[in-house]
């Protein structure tokens, strides 16, 4: 697996001003990387509009372990 140089972080103004906020990690599909779709995934995914279910799969657990190390 190769590291990719692109990533996005959206920080709402209220969070930047110090309000406590939660972290959402979103994974795009294989054909939705920056090289193919630019910012379309970020702009159109409506990530804050849906309450995504939490599952105990290996990939999700690995990501949650990374988030926990960041203090999330």
C-alpha atoms as a PDB file:
ATOM      1  CA  UNK A   1       0.000   0.000   0.000  1.00  0.00           C
ATOM      2  CA  UNK A   2       1.324   3.438  -0.935  1.00  0.00           C
ATOM      3  CA  UNK A   3       0.821   6.579   1.119  1.00  0.00           C
ATOM      4  CA  UNK A   4      -1.185   9.242  -0.686  1.00  0.00           C
ATOM      5  CA  UNK A   5      -0.416  12.957  -0.322  1.00  0.00           C
ATOM      6  CA  UNK A   6      -4.068  14.096  -0.254  1.00  0.00           C
ATOM      7  CA  UNK A   7      -6.473  14.316   2.631  1.00  0.00           C
ATOM      8  CA  UNK A   8      -9.209  16.681   3.738  1.00  0.00           C
ATOM      9  CA  UNK A   9     -10.278  18.039   7.086  1.00  0.00           C
ATOM     10  CA  UNK A  10     -13.415  20.104   7.579  1.00  0.00           C
ATOM     11  CA  UNK A  11     -13.522  21.993  10.851  1.00  0.00           C
ATOM     12  CA  UNK A  12     -16.789  23.843  11.524  1.00  0.00           C
ATOM     13  CA  UNK A  13     -16.338  27.424  12.754  1.00  0.00           C
ATOM     14  CA  UNK A  14     -17.889  26.546  16.134  1.00  0.00           C
ATOM     15  CA  UNK A  15     -15.313  23.777  16.639  1.00  0.00           C
ATOM     16  CA  UNK A  16     -12.449  26.047  15.592  1.00  0.00           C
ATOM     17  CA  UNK A  17     -13.721  28.566  18.162  1.00  0.00           C
ATOM     18  CA  UNK A  18     -13.362  26.000  20.952  1.00  0.00           C
ATOM     19  CA  UNK A  19     -16.727  24.222  21.116  1.00  0.00           C
ATOM     20  CA  UNK A  20     -16.395  20.508  21.825  1.00  0.00           C
ATOM     21  CA  UNK A  21     -16.989  18.522  18.627  1.00  0.00           C
ATOM     22  CA  UNK A  22     -16.905  14.890  17.552  1.00  0.00           C
ATOM     23  CA  UNK A  23     -14.664  13.393  14.898  1.00  0.00           C
ATOM     24  CA  UNK A  24     -16.042  11.694  11.778  1.00  0.00           C
ATOM     25  CA  UNK A  25     -13.731   9.556   9.649  1.00  0.00           C
ATOM     26  CA  UNK A  26     -15.062   8.825   6.143  1.00  0.00           C
ATOM     27  CA  UNK A  27     -13.621   6.234   3.783  1.00  0.00           C
ATOM     28  CA  UNK A  28     -14.260   6.608   0.079  1.00  0.00           C
ATOM     29  CA  UNK A  29     -14.501   3.729  -2.371  1.00  0.00           C
ATOM     30  CA  UNK A  30     -11.582   2.564  -4.503  1.00  0.00           C
ATOM     31  CA  UNK A  31     -12.742   4.512  -7.555  1.00  0.00           C
ATOM     32  CA  UNK A  32     -13.385   7.717  -5.609  1.00  0.00           C
ATOM     33  CA  UNK A  33      -9.833   8.835  -4.880  1.00  0.00           C
ATOM     34  CA  UNK A  34      -8.657  12.402  -5.375  1.00  0.00           C
ATOM     35  CA  UNK A  35      -6.893  11.580  -8.660  1.00  0.00           C
ATOM     36  CA  UNK A  36     -10.200  10.431 -10.165  1.00  0.00           C
ATOM     37  CA  UNK A  37     -12.893  12.631  -8.644  1.00  0.00           C
ATOM     38  CA  UNK A  38     -11.065  15.593  -7.103  1.00  0.00           C
ATOM     39  CA  UNK A  39     -13.121  17.027  -4.244  1.00  0.00           C
ATOM     40  CA  UNK A  40     -16.483  15.579  -5.397  1.00  0.00           C
ATOM     41  CA  UNK A  41     -16.554  13.010  -2.565  1.00  0.00           C
ATOM     42  CA  UNK A  42     -15.858  15.668   0.057  1.00  0.00           C
ATOM     43  CA  UNK A  43     -18.274  18.182  -1.450  1.00  0.00           C
ATOM     44  CA  UNK A  44     -21.216  15.854  -2.106  1.00  0.00           C
ATOM     45  CA  UNK A  45     -21.130  13.006   0.424  1.00  0.00           C
ATOM     46  CA  UNK A  46     -23.371  14.754   3.002  1.00  0.00           C
ATOM     47  CA  UNK A  47     -21.282  13.180   5.745  1.00  0.00           C
ATOM     48  CA  UNK A  48     -22.869  15.196   8.584  1.00  0.00           C
ATOM     49  CA  UNK A  49     -26.444  14.450   7.510  1.00  0.00           C
ATOM     50  CA  UNK A  50     -26.562  10.740   8.344  1.00  0.00           C
ATOM     51  CA  UNK A  51     -25.914   8.863  11.550  1.00  0.00           C
ATOM     52  CA  UNK A  52     -23.647   6.092  10.258  1.00  0.00           C
ATOM     53  CA  UNK A  53     -23.829   2.785  12.151  1.00  0.00           C
ATOM     54  CA  UNK A  54     -20.756   1.692  14.060  1.00  0.00           C
ATOM     55  CA  UNK A  55     -19.573  -1.813  13.218  1.00  0.00           C
ATOM     56  CA  UNK A  56     -16.877  -3.959  14.787  1.00  0.00           C
ATOM     57  CA  UNK A  57     -15.120  -4.942  11.557  1.00  0.00           C
ATOM     58  CA  UNK A  58     -11.338  -5.117  11.383  1.00  0.00           C
ATOM     59  CA  UNK A  59     -11.014  -2.003   9.190  1.00  0.00           C
ATOM     60  CA  UNK A  60     -13.252   0.131  11.407  1.00  0.00           C
ATOM     61  CA  UNK A  61     -11.497  -1.090  14.544  1.00  0.00           C
ATOM     62  CA  UNK A  62      -8.095  -0.223  13.036  1.00  0.00           C
ATOM     63  CA  UNK A  63      -9.299   3.297  12.233  1.00  0.00           C
ATOM     64  CA  UNK A  64     -10.802   3.734  15.690  1.00  0.00           C
ATOM     65  CA  UNK A  65      -7.483   2.706  17.236  1.00  0.00           C
ATOM     66  CA  UNK A  66      -5.803   5.454  15.184  1.00  0.00           C
ATOM     67  CA  UNK A  67      -8.429   7.966  16.325  1.00  0.00           C
ATOM     68  CA  UNK A  68      -7.949   6.952  19.959  1.00  0.00           C
ATOM     69  CA  UNK A  69      -4.203   7.563  19.622  1.00  0.00           C
ATOM     70  CA  UNK A  70      -5.020  11.088  18.435  1.00  0.00           C
ATOM     71  CA  UNK A  71      -7.060  11.599  21.577  1.00  0.00           C
ATOM     72  CA  UNK A  72     -10.481  11.365  19.844  1.00  0.00           C
END
